[in-house]
């Protein structure tokens, strides 16, 4: 099975991704996000709690990752990130995620 981190890493290398809660929120609101991934170990939870609701309203696929550190690494930055949005999937297979 393909991990969410594999998909994010491939999308970051061959497509286009936005990083950070504000950028992700804007991408979903503009209707350009194809996938949103949020780290479950974010504190406080209020930072990202609006995203699943917003994604449901806009019909955007939403996935939870277990680690903000691993999410940051998979998107190619050396710091934790709470959320990412895939705007262009490139060679990533978004439909391979549960």
PDB file of N, CA and C in Angstrom:
ATOM      1  N   UNK A   1       0.840  -1.197   0.000  1.00  0.00           N
ATOM      2  CA  UNK A   1       0.000   0.000   0.000  1.00  0.00           C
ATOM      3  C   UNK A   1       0.880   1.253   0.000  1.00  0.00           C
ATOM      4  N   UNK A   2       0.451   2.233  -0.735  1.00  0.00           N
ATOM      5  CA  UNK A   2       1.179   3.497  -0.855  1.00  0.00           C
ATOM      6  C   UNK A   2       0.884   4.364   0.364  1.00  0.00           C
ATOM      7  N   UNK A   3       1.929   4.938   0.953  1.00  0.00           N
ATOM      8  CA  UNK A   3       1.702   5.807   2.113  1.00  0.00           C
ATOM      9  C   UNK A   3       1.379   7.224   1.653  1.00  0.00           C
ATOM     10  N   UNK A   4       0.722   7.959   2.525  1.00  0.00           N
ATOM     11  CA  UNK A   4       0.395   9.351   2.220  1.00  0.00           C
ATOM     12  C   UNK A   4       1.679  10.150   1.977  1.00  0.00           C
ATOM     13  N   UNK A   5       2.747   9.769   2.689  1.00  0.00           N
ATOM     14  CA  UNK A   5       4.019  10.496   2.528  1.00  0.00           C
ATOM     15  C   UNK A   5       4.626  10.257   1.145  1.00  0.00           C
ATOM     16  N   UNK A   6       4.490   9.025   0.623  1.00  0.00           N
ATOM     17  CA  UNK A   6       4.982   8.737  -0.729  1.00  0.00           C
ATOM     18  C   UNK A   6       4.250   9.590  -1.760  1.00  0.00           C
ATOM     19  N   UNK A   7       2.937   9.672  -1.616  1.00  0.00           N
ATOM     20  CA  UNK A   7       2.127  10.451  -2.556  1.00  0.00           C
ATOM     21  C   UNK A   7       2.503  11.928  -2.484  1.00  0.00           C
ATOM     22  N   UNK A   8       2.644  12.450  -1.263  1.00  0.00           N
ATOM     23  CA  UNK A   8       3.003  13.867  -1.084  1.00  0.00           C
ATOM     24  C   UNK A   8       4.383  14.142  -1.670  1.00  0.00           C
ATOM     25  N   UNK A   9       5.335  13.250  -1.408  1.00  0.00           N
ATOM     26  CA  UNK A   9       6.691  13.443  -1.913  1.00  0.00           C
ATOM     27  C   UNK A   9       6.713  13.463  -3.441  1.00  0.00           C
ATOM     28  N   UNK A  10       5.994  12.545  -4.064  1.00  0.00           N
ATOM     29  CA  UNK A  10       5.960  12.494  -5.525  1.00  0.00           C
ATOM     30  C   UNK A  10       5.269  13.737  -6.090  1.00  0.00           C
ATOM     31  N   UNK A  11       4.188  14.178  -5.450  1.00  0.00           N
ATOM     32  CA  UNK A  11       3.486  15.385  -5.901  1.00  0.00           C
ATOM     33  C   UNK A  11       4.382  16.616  -5.763  1.00  0.00           C
ATOM     34  N   UNK A  12       5.161  16.675  -4.675  1.00  0.00           N
ATOM     35  CA  UNK A  12       6.054  17.819  -4.454  1.00  0.00           C
ATOM     36  C   UNK A  12       7.158  17.860  -5.508  1.00  0.00           C
ATOM     37  N   UNK A  13       7.627  16.675  -5.936  1.00  0.00           N
ATOM     38  CA  UNK A  13       8.725  16.616  -6.903  1.00  0.00           C
ATOM     39  C   UNK A  13       8.257  16.802  -8.345  1.00  0.00           C
ATOM     40  N   UNK A  14       7.065  16.312  -8.678  1.00  0.00           N
ATOM     41  CA  UNK A  14       6.642  16.300 -10.084  1.00  0.00           C
ATOM     42  C   UNK A  14       5.422  17.174 -10.363  1.00  0.00           C
ATOM     43  N   UNK A  15       4.796  17.683  -9.314  1.00  0.00           N
ATOM     44  CA  UNK A  15       3.602  18.511  -9.480  1.00  0.00           C
ATOM     45  C   UNK A  15       3.747  19.829  -8.761  1.00  0.00           C
ATOM     46  N   UNK A  16       2.715  20.193  -8.009  1.00  0.00           N
ATOM     47  CA  UNK A  16       2.747  21.464  -7.275  1.00  0.00           C
ATOM     48  C   UNK A  16       1.992  21.290  -5.965  1.00  0.00           C
ATOM     49  N   UNK A  17       2.598  21.755  -4.867  1.00  0.00           N
ATOM     50  CA  UNK A  17       1.954  21.676  -3.553  1.00  0.00           C
ATOM     51  C   UNK A  17       2.061  23.018  -2.835  1.00  0.00           C
ATOM     52  N   UNK A  18       1.093  23.279  -1.969  1.00  0.00           N
ATOM     53  CA  UNK A  18       1.152  24.426  -1.065  1.00  0.00           C
ATOM     54  C   UNK A  18       1.362  23.885   0.334  1.00  0.00           C
ATOM     55  N   UNK A  19       2.124  24.631   1.146  1.00  0.00           N
ATOM     56  CA  UNK A  19       2.445  24.205   2.507  1.00  0.00           C
ATOM     57  C   UNK A  19       1.936  25.233   3.501  1.00  0.00           C
ATOM     58  N   UNK A  20       1.484  24.755   4.646  1.00  0.00           N
ATOM     59  CA  UNK A  20       1.032  25.656   5.705  1.00  0.00           C
ATOM     60  C   UNK A  20      -0.471  25.824   5.710  1.00  0.00           C
ATOM     61  N   UNK A  21      -1.016  26.000   6.891  1.00  0.00           N
ATOM     62  CA  UNK A  21      -2.471  26.052   7.062  1.00  0.00           C
ATOM     63  C   UNK A  21      -3.106  27.177   6.251  1.00  0.00           C
ATOM     64  N   UNK A  22      -2.501  28.371   6.258  1.00  0.00           N
ATOM     65  CA  UNK A  22      -3.095  29.507   5.537  1.00  0.00           C
ATOM     66  C   UNK A  22      -3.123  29.265   4.035  1.00  0.00           C
ATOM     67  N   UNK A  23      -2.010  28.788   3.479  1.00  0.00           N
ATOM     68  CA  UNK A  23      -1.940  28.524   2.043  1.00  0.00           C
ATOM     69  C   UNK A  23      -2.899  27.408   1.641  1.00  0.00           C
ATOM     70  N   UNK A  24      -2.975  26.377   2.472  1.00  0.00           N
ATOM     71  CA  UNK A  24      -3.868  25.249   2.196  1.00  0.00           C
ATOM     72  C   UNK A  24      -5.325  25.709   2.218  1.00  0.00           C
ATOM     73  N   UNK A  25      -5.674  26.500   3.224  1.00  0.00           N
ATOM     74  CA  UNK A  25      -7.038  27.026   3.332  1.00  0.00           C
ATOM     75  C   UNK A  25      -7.399  27.824   2.086  1.00  0.00           C
ATOM     76  N   UNK A  26      -6.491  28.696   1.637  1.00  0.00           N
ATOM     77  CA  UNK A  26      -6.745  29.510   0.440  1.00  0.00           C
ATOM     78  C   UNK A  26      -6.919  28.632  -0.794  1.00  0.00           C
ATOM     79  N   UNK A  27      -6.083  27.588  -0.915  1.00  0.00           N
ATOM     80  CA  UNK A  27      -6.156  26.696  -2.083  1.00  0.00           C
ATOM     81  C   UNK A  27      -7.503  25.973  -2.129  1.00  0.00           C
ATOM     82  N   UNK A  28      -7.989  25.533  -0.976  1.00  0.00           N
ATOM     83  CA  UNK A  28      -9.288  24.843  -0.924  1.00  0.00           C
ATOM     84  C   UNK A  28     -10.403  25.820  -1.270  1.00  0.00           C
ATOM     85  N   UNK A  29     -10.349  27.016  -0.680  1.00  0.00           N
ATOM     86  CA  UNK A  29     -11.394  28.011  -0.932  1.00  0.00           C
ATOM     87  C   UNK A  29     -11.441  28.426  -2.401  1.00  0.00           C
ATOM     88  N   UNK A  30     -10.278  28.467  -3.054  1.00  0.00           N
ATOM     89  CA  UNK A  30     -10.210  28.847  -4.475  1.00  0.00           C
ATOM     90  C   UNK A  30     -10.590  27.689  -5.400  1.00  0.00           C
ATOM     91  N   UNK A  31     -10.732  26.498  -4.832  1.00  0.00           N
ATOM     92  CA  UNK A  31     -11.103  25.350  -5.640  1.00  0.00           C
ATOM     93  C   UNK A  31      -9.961  24.759  -6.440  1.00  0.00           C
ATOM     94  N   UNK A  32      -8.707  25.024  -6.041  1.00  0.00           N
ATOM     95  CA  UNK A  32      -7.565  24.493  -6.797  1.00  0.00           C
ATOM     96  C   UNK A  32      -6.871  23.325  -6.099  1.00  0.00           C
ATOM     97  N   UNK A  33      -7.266  23.012  -4.870  1.00  0.00           N
ATOM     98  CA  UNK A  33      -6.663  21.882  -4.149  1.00  0.00           C
ATOM     99  C   UNK A  33      -7.311  20.580  -4.602  1.00  0.00           C
ATOM    100  N   UNK A  34      -6.473  19.559  -4.866  1.00  0.00           N
ATOM    101  CA  UNK A  34      -6.994  18.239  -5.240  1.00  0.00           C
ATOM    102  C   UNK A  34      -6.958  17.282  -4.053  1.00  0.00           C
ATOM    103  N   UNK A  35      -6.029  17.541  -3.129  1.00  0.00           N
ATOM    104  CA  UNK A  35      -5.867  16.705  -1.945  1.00  0.00           C
ATOM    105  C   UNK A  35      -5.338  17.573  -0.818  1.00  0.00           C
ATOM    106  N   UNK A  36      -5.867  17.382   0.376  1.00  0.00           N
ATOM    107  CA  UNK A  36      -5.354  18.066   1.563  1.00  0.00           C
ATOM    108  C   UNK A  36      -4.892  17.003   2.549  1.00  0.00           C
ATOM    109  N   UNK A  37      -3.683  17.196   3.084  1.00  0.00           N
ATOM    110  CA  UNK A  37      -3.150  16.300   4.106  1.00  0.00           C
ATOM    111  C   UNK A  37      -2.859  17.136   5.346  1.00  0.00           C
ATOM    112  N   UNK A  38      -3.394  16.698   6.479  1.00  0.00           N
ATOM    113  CA  UNK A  38      -3.198  17.399   7.746  1.00  0.00           C
ATOM    114  C   UNK A  38      -2.515  16.452   8.727  1.00  0.00           C
ATOM    115  N   UNK A  39      -1.544  16.971   9.463  1.00  0.00           N
ATOM    116  CA  UNK A  39      -0.860  16.168  10.481  1.00  0.00           C
ATOM    117  C   UNK A  39      -1.735  16.070  11.727  1.00  0.00           C
ATOM    118  N   UNK A  40      -1.817  14.863  12.285  1.00  0.00           N
ATOM    119  CA  UNK A  40      -2.675  14.660  13.464  1.00  0.00           C
ATOM    120  C   UNK A  40      -2.011  15.105  14.760  1.00  0.00           C
ATOM    121  N   UNK A  41      -0.687  15.312  14.737  1.00  0.00           N
ATOM    122  CA  UNK A  41       0.018  15.674  15.978  1.00  0.00           C
ATOM    123  C   UNK A  41       0.223  17.182  16.131  1.00  0.00           C
ATOM    124  N   UNK A  42      -0.687  17.946  15.583  1.00  0.00           N
ATOM    125  CA  UNK A  42      -0.622  19.408  15.685  1.00  0.00           C
ATOM    126  C   UNK A  42      -1.237  19.847  17.011  1.00  0.00           C
ATOM    127  N   UNK A  43      -0.583  20.798  17.656  1.00  0.00           N
ATOM    128  CA  UNK A  43      -1.093  21.340  18.902  1.00  0.00           C
ATOM    129  C   UNK A  43      -0.961  22.856  18.836  1.00  0.00           C
ATOM    130  N   UNK A  44      -2.010  23.625  18.998  1.00  0.00           N
ATOM    131  CA  UNK A  44      -3.370  23.186  19.322  1.00  0.00           C
ATOM    132  C   UNK A  44      -4.119  22.688  18.079  1.00  0.00           C
ATOM    133  N   UNK A  45      -5.059  21.798  18.298  1.00  0.00           N
ATOM    134  CA  UNK A  45      -5.852  21.192  17.220  1.00  0.00           C
ATOM    135  C   UNK A  45      -6.667  22.238  16.453  1.00  0.00           C
ATOM    136  N   UNK A  46      -6.969  23.350  17.112  1.00  0.00           N
ATOM    137  CA  UNK A  46      -7.791  24.395  16.490  1.00  0.00           C
ATOM    138  C   UNK A  46      -7.153  24.938  15.210  1.00  0.00           C
ATOM    139  N   UNK A  47      -5.837  24.811  15.077  1.00  0.00           N
ATOM    140  CA  UNK A  47      -5.149  25.321  13.888  1.00  0.00           C
ATOM    141  C   UNK A  47      -5.678  24.701  12.601  1.00  0.00           C
ATOM    142  N   UNK A  48      -6.035  23.423  12.680  1.00  0.00           N
ATOM    143  CA  UNK A  48      -6.424  22.719  11.457  1.00  0.00           C
ATOM    144  C   UNK A  48      -7.854  22.185  11.483  1.00  0.00           C
ATOM    145  N   UNK A  49      -8.610  22.421  12.540  1.00  0.00           N
ATOM    146  CA  UNK A  49      -9.922  21.771  12.659  1.00  0.00           C
ATOM    147  C   UNK A  49     -10.941  22.241  11.623  1.00  0.00           C
ATOM    148  N   UNK A  50     -10.711  23.390  10.982  1.00  0.00           N
ATOM    149  CA  UNK A  50     -11.645  23.860   9.947  1.00  0.00           C
ATOM    150  C   UNK A  50     -11.445  23.145   8.607  1.00  0.00           C
ATOM    151  N   UNK A  51     -10.275  22.534   8.419  1.00  0.00           N
ATOM    152  CA  UNK A  51      -9.956  21.977   7.100  1.00  0.00           C
ATOM    153  C   UNK A  51     -10.817  20.786   6.675  1.00  0.00           C
ATOM    154  N   UNK A  52     -11.105  19.801   7.546  1.00  0.00           N
ATOM    155  CA  UNK A  52     -11.960  18.702   7.078  1.00  0.00           C
ATOM    156  C   UNK A  52     -13.348  19.174   6.638  1.00  0.00           C
ATOM    157  N   UNK A  53     -13.887  20.162   7.344  1.00  0.00           N
ATOM    158  CA  UNK A  53     -15.211  20.699   7.029  1.00  0.00           C
ATOM    159  C   UNK A  53     -15.168  21.418   5.683  1.00  0.00           C
ATOM    160  N   UNK A  54     -14.150  22.253   5.506  1.00  0.00           N
ATOM    161  CA  UNK A  54     -13.983  23.008   4.270  1.00  0.00           C
ATOM    162  C   UNK A  54     -13.781  22.055   3.084  1.00  0.00           C
ATOM    163  N   UNK A  55     -12.983  21.026   3.287  1.00  0.00           N
ATOM    164  CA  UNK A  55     -12.745  20.052   2.212  1.00  0.00           C
ATOM    165  C   UNK A  55     -14.034  19.330   1.832  1.00  0.00           C
ATOM    166  N   UNK A  56     -14.824  18.959   2.828  1.00  0.00           N
ATOM    167  CA  UNK A  56     -16.100  18.274   2.553  1.00  0.00           C
ATOM    168  C   UNK A  56     -17.009  19.183   1.735  1.00  0.00           C
ATOM    169  N   UNK A  57     -17.082  20.476   2.120  1.00  0.00           N
ATOM    170  CA  UNK A  57     -17.933  21.431   1.408  1.00  0.00           C
ATOM    171  C   UNK A  57     -17.500  21.597  -0.043  1.00  0.00           C
ATOM    172  N   UNK A  58     -16.182  21.574  -0.285  1.00  0.00           N
ATOM    173  CA  UNK A  58     -15.645  21.836  -1.621  1.00  0.00           C
ATOM    174  C   UNK A  58     -15.386  20.554  -2.418  1.00  0.00           C
ATOM    175  N   UNK A  59     -15.624  19.393  -1.787  1.00  0.00           N
ATOM    176  CA  UNK A  59     -15.415  18.135  -2.493  1.00  0.00           C
ATOM    177  C   UNK A  59     -13.953  17.784  -2.704  1.00  0.00           C
ATOM    178  N   UNK A  60     -13.102  18.175  -1.757  1.00  0.00           N
ATOM    179  CA  UNK A  60     -11.658  17.921  -1.851  1.00  0.00           C
ATOM    180  C   UNK A  60     -11.310  16.706  -0.990  1.00  0.00           C
ATOM    181  N   UNK A  61     -10.508  15.809  -1.541  1.00  0.00           N
ATOM    182  CA  UNK A  61     -10.071  14.619  -0.797  1.00  0.00           C
ATOM    183  C   UNK A  61      -9.240  15.071   0.404  1.00  0.00           C
ATOM    184  N   UNK A  62      -9.519  14.480   1.573  1.00  0.00           N
ATOM    185  CA  UNK A  62      -8.866  14.872   2.821  1.00  0.00           C
ATOM    186  C   UNK A  62      -8.259  13.644   3.482  1.00  0.00           C
ATOM    187  N   UNK A  63      -6.996  13.746   3.859  1.00  0.00           N
ATOM    188  CA  UNK A  63      -6.289  12.628   4.481  1.00  0.00           C
ATOM    189  C   UNK A  63      -5.547  13.137   5.707  1.00  0.00           C
ATOM    190  N   UNK A  64      -5.499  12.300   6.746  1.00  0.00           N
ATOM    191  CA  UNK A  64      -4.753  12.642   7.954  1.00  0.00           C
ATOM    192  C   UNK A  64      -3.447  11.862   7.969  1.00  0.00           C
ATOM    193  N   UNK A  65      -2.350  12.582   8.223  1.00  0.00           N
ATOM    194  CA  UNK A  65      -1.033  11.957   8.390  1.00  0.00           C
ATOM    195  C   UNK A  65      -0.712  11.950   9.881  1.00  0.00           C
ATOM    196  N   UNK A  66       0.146  11.046  10.308  1.00  0.00           N
ATOM    197  CA  UNK A  66       0.396  10.938  11.750  1.00  0.00           C
ATOM    198  C   UNK A  66       1.485  11.874  12.266  1.00  0.00           C
ATOM    199  N   UNK A  67       2.302  12.453  11.388  1.00  0.00           N
ATOM    200  CA  UNK A  67       3.453  13.220  11.866  1.00  0.00           C
ATOM    201  C   UNK A  67       3.694  14.492  11.063  1.00  0.00           C
ATOM    202  N   UNK A  68       3.734  15.624  11.778  1.00  0.00           N
ATOM    203  CA  UNK A  68       4.042  16.892  11.117  1.00  0.00           C
ATOM    204  C   UNK A  68       5.492  16.916  10.631  1.00  0.00           C
ATOM    205  N   UNK A  69       6.393  16.215  11.357  1.00  0.00           N
ATOM    206  CA  UNK A  69       7.790  16.148  10.931  1.00  0.00           C
ATOM    207  C   UNK A  69       7.906  15.408   9.597  1.00  0.00           C
ATOM    208  N   UNK A  70       7.283  14.216   9.535  1.00  0.00           N
ATOM    209  CA  UNK A  70       7.351  13.416   8.305  1.00  0.00           C
ATOM    210  C   UNK A  70       6.657  14.126   7.148  1.00  0.00           C
ATOM    211  N   UNK A  71       5.584  14.857   7.441  1.00  0.00           N
ATOM    212  CA  UNK A  71       4.877  15.600   6.400  1.00  0.00           C
ATOM    213  C   UNK A  71       5.774  16.692   5.818  1.00  0.00           C
ATOM    214  N   UNK A  72       6.485  17.400   6.693  1.00  0.00           N
ATOM    215  CA  UNK A  72       7.425  18.427   6.232  1.00  0.00           C
ATOM    216  C   UNK A  72       8.531  17.842   5.372  1.00  0.00           C
ATOM    217  N   UNK A  73       9.101  16.731   5.815  1.00  0.00           N
ATOM    218  CA  UNK A  73      10.175  16.068   5.066  1.00  0.00           C
ATOM    219  C   UNK A  73       9.670  15.601   3.703  1.00  0.00           C
ATOM    220  N   UNK A  74       8.480  15.013   3.683  1.00  0.00           N
ATOM    221  CA  UNK A  74       7.967  14.473   2.424  1.00  0.00           C
ATOM    222  C   UNK A  74       7.670  15.564   1.402  1.00  0.00           C
ATOM    223  N   UNK A  75       7.421  16.777   1.876  1.00  0.00           N
ATOM    224  CA  UNK A  75       7.148  17.878   0.952  1.00  0.00           C
ATOM    225  C   UNK A  75       8.439  18.652   0.624  1.00  0.00           C
ATOM    226  N   UNK A  76       9.548  18.226   1.233  1.00  0.00           N
ATOM    227  CA  UNK A  76      10.851  18.775   0.863  1.00  0.00           C
ATOM    228  C   UNK A  76      11.318  19.963   1.678  1.00  0.00           C
ATOM    229  N   UNK A  77      10.767  20.143   2.874  1.00  0.00           N
ATOM    230  CA  UNK A  77      11.248  21.219   3.742  1.00  0.00           C
ATOM    231  C   UNK A  77      11.783  20.616   5.039  1.00  0.00           C
ATOM    232  N   UNK A  78      12.742  21.282   5.635  1.00  0.00           N
ATOM    233  CA  UNK A  78      13.391  20.753   6.837  1.00  0.00           C
ATOM    234  C   UNK A  78      12.747  21.259   8.117  1.00  0.00           C
ATOM    235  N   UNK A  79      11.433  21.336   8.104  1.00  0.00           N
ATOM    236  CA  UNK A  79      10.717  21.741   9.304  1.00  0.00           C
ATOM    237  C   UNK A  79       9.334  21.115   9.275  1.00  0.00           C
ATOM    238  N   UNK A  80       8.735  20.939  10.447  1.00  0.00           N
ATOM    239  CA  UNK A  80       7.397  20.343  10.500  1.00  0.00           C
ATOM    240  C   UNK A  80       6.373  21.226   9.791  1.00  0.00           C
ATOM    241  N   UNK A  81       5.358  20.617   9.224  1.00  0.00           N
ATOM    242  CA  UNK A  81       4.265  21.386   8.636  1.00  0.00           C
ATOM    243  C   UNK A  81       2.932  20.760   9.036  1.00  0.00           C
ATOM    244  N   UNK A  82       1.969  21.624   9.359  1.00  0.00           N
ATOM    245  CA  UNK A  82       0.668  21.164   9.848  1.00  0.00           C
ATOM    246  C   UNK A  82      -0.207  20.639   8.722  1.00  0.00           C
ATOM    247  N   UNK A  83      -0.072  21.242   7.533  1.00  0.00           N
ATOM    248  CA  UNK A  83      -0.961  20.883   6.434  1.00  0.00           C
ATOM    249  C   UNK A  83      -0.296  21.160   5.099  1.00  0.00           C
ATOM    250  N   UNK A  84      -0.670  20.346   4.111  1.00  0.00           N
ATOM    251  CA  UNK A  84      -0.245  20.601   2.735  1.00  0.00           C
ATOM    252  C   UNK A  84      -1.442  20.371   1.818  1.00  0.00           C
ATOM    253  N   UNK A  85      -1.411  21.028   0.677  1.00  0.00           N
ATOM    254  CA  UNK A  85      -2.432  20.806  -0.352  1.00  0.00           C
ATOM    255  C   UNK A  85      -1.726  20.456  -1.645  1.00  0.00           C
ATOM    256  N   UNK A  86      -2.179  19.420  -2.305  1.00  0.00           N
ATOM    257  CA  UNK A  86      -1.673  19.082  -3.629  1.00  0.00           C
ATOM    258  C   UNK A  86      -2.525  19.841  -4.637  1.00  0.00           C
ATOM    259  N   UNK A  87      -1.853  20.698  -5.431  1.00  0.00           N
ATOM    260  CA  UNK A  87      -2.555  21.488  -6.440  1.00  0.00           C
ATOM    261  C   UNK A  87      -2.466  20.809  -7.802  1.00  0.00           C
ATOM    262  N   UNK A  88      -1.277  20.281  -8.109  1.00  0.00           N
ATOM    263  CA  UNK A  88      -1.071  19.513  -9.335  1.00  0.00           C
ATOM    264  C   UNK A  88      -0.380  18.230  -8.922  1.00  0.00           C
ATOM    265  N   UNK A  89      -0.991  17.102  -9.242  1.00  0.00           N
ATOM    266  CA  UNK A  89      -0.485  15.837  -8.724  1.00  0.00           C
ATOM    267  C   UNK A  89       0.775  15.334  -9.411  1.00  0.00           C
ATOM    268  N   UNK A  90       1.092  15.818 -10.609  1.00  0.00           N
ATOM    269  CA  UNK A  90       2.275  15.324 -11.299  1.00  0.00           C
ATOM    270  C   UNK A  90       2.164  13.824 -11.493  1.00  0.00           C
ATOM    271  N   UNK A  91       3.171  13.084 -11.063  1.00  0.00           N
ATOM    272  CA  UNK A  91       3.166  11.624 -11.207  1.00  0.00           C
ATOM    273  C   UNK A  91       2.555  10.913  -9.995  1.00  0.00           C
ATOM    274  N   UNK A  92       2.117  11.685  -9.006  1.00  0.00           N
ATOM    275  CA  UNK A  92       1.512  11.083  -7.809  1.00  0.00           C
ATOM    276  C   UNK A  92       0.150  10.513  -8.145  1.00  0.00           C
ATOM    277  N   UNK A  93      -0.176   9.404  -7.526  1.00  0.00           N
ATOM    278  CA  UNK A  93      -1.467   8.751  -7.735  1.00  0.00           C
ATOM    279  C   UNK A  93      -2.361   9.049  -6.532  1.00  0.00           C
ATOM    280  N   UNK A  94      -3.149  10.123  -6.636  1.00  0.00           N
ATOM    281  CA  UNK A  94      -3.988  10.535  -5.509  1.00  0.00           C
ATOM    282  C   UNK A  94      -5.061   9.508  -5.198  1.00  0.00           C
ATOM    283  N   UNK A  95      -5.531   8.804  -6.218  1.00  0.00           N
ATOM    284  CA  UNK A  95      -6.602   7.837  -5.983  1.00  0.00           C
ATOM    285  C   UNK A  95      -6.085   6.549  -5.319  1.00  0.00           C
ATOM    286  N   UNK A  96      -4.765   6.449  -5.118  1.00  0.00           N
ATOM    287  CA  UNK A  96      -4.212   5.265  -4.428  1.00  0.00           C
ATOM    288  C   UNK A  96      -4.354   5.392  -2.907  1.00  0.00           C
ATOM    289  N   UNK A  97      -4.761   6.569  -2.445  1.00  0.00           N
ATOM    290  CA  UNK A  97      -4.978   6.777  -1.007  1.00  0.00           C
ATOM    291  C   UNK A  97      -6.388   6.378  -0.643  1.00  0.00           C
ATOM    292  N   UNK A  98      -6.508   5.642   0.480  1.00  0.00           N
ATOM    293  CA  UNK A  98      -7.806   5.183   0.983  1.00  0.00           C
ATOM    294  C   UNK A  98      -8.861   6.141   0.776  1.00  0.00           C
TER     295      UNK A  98
END
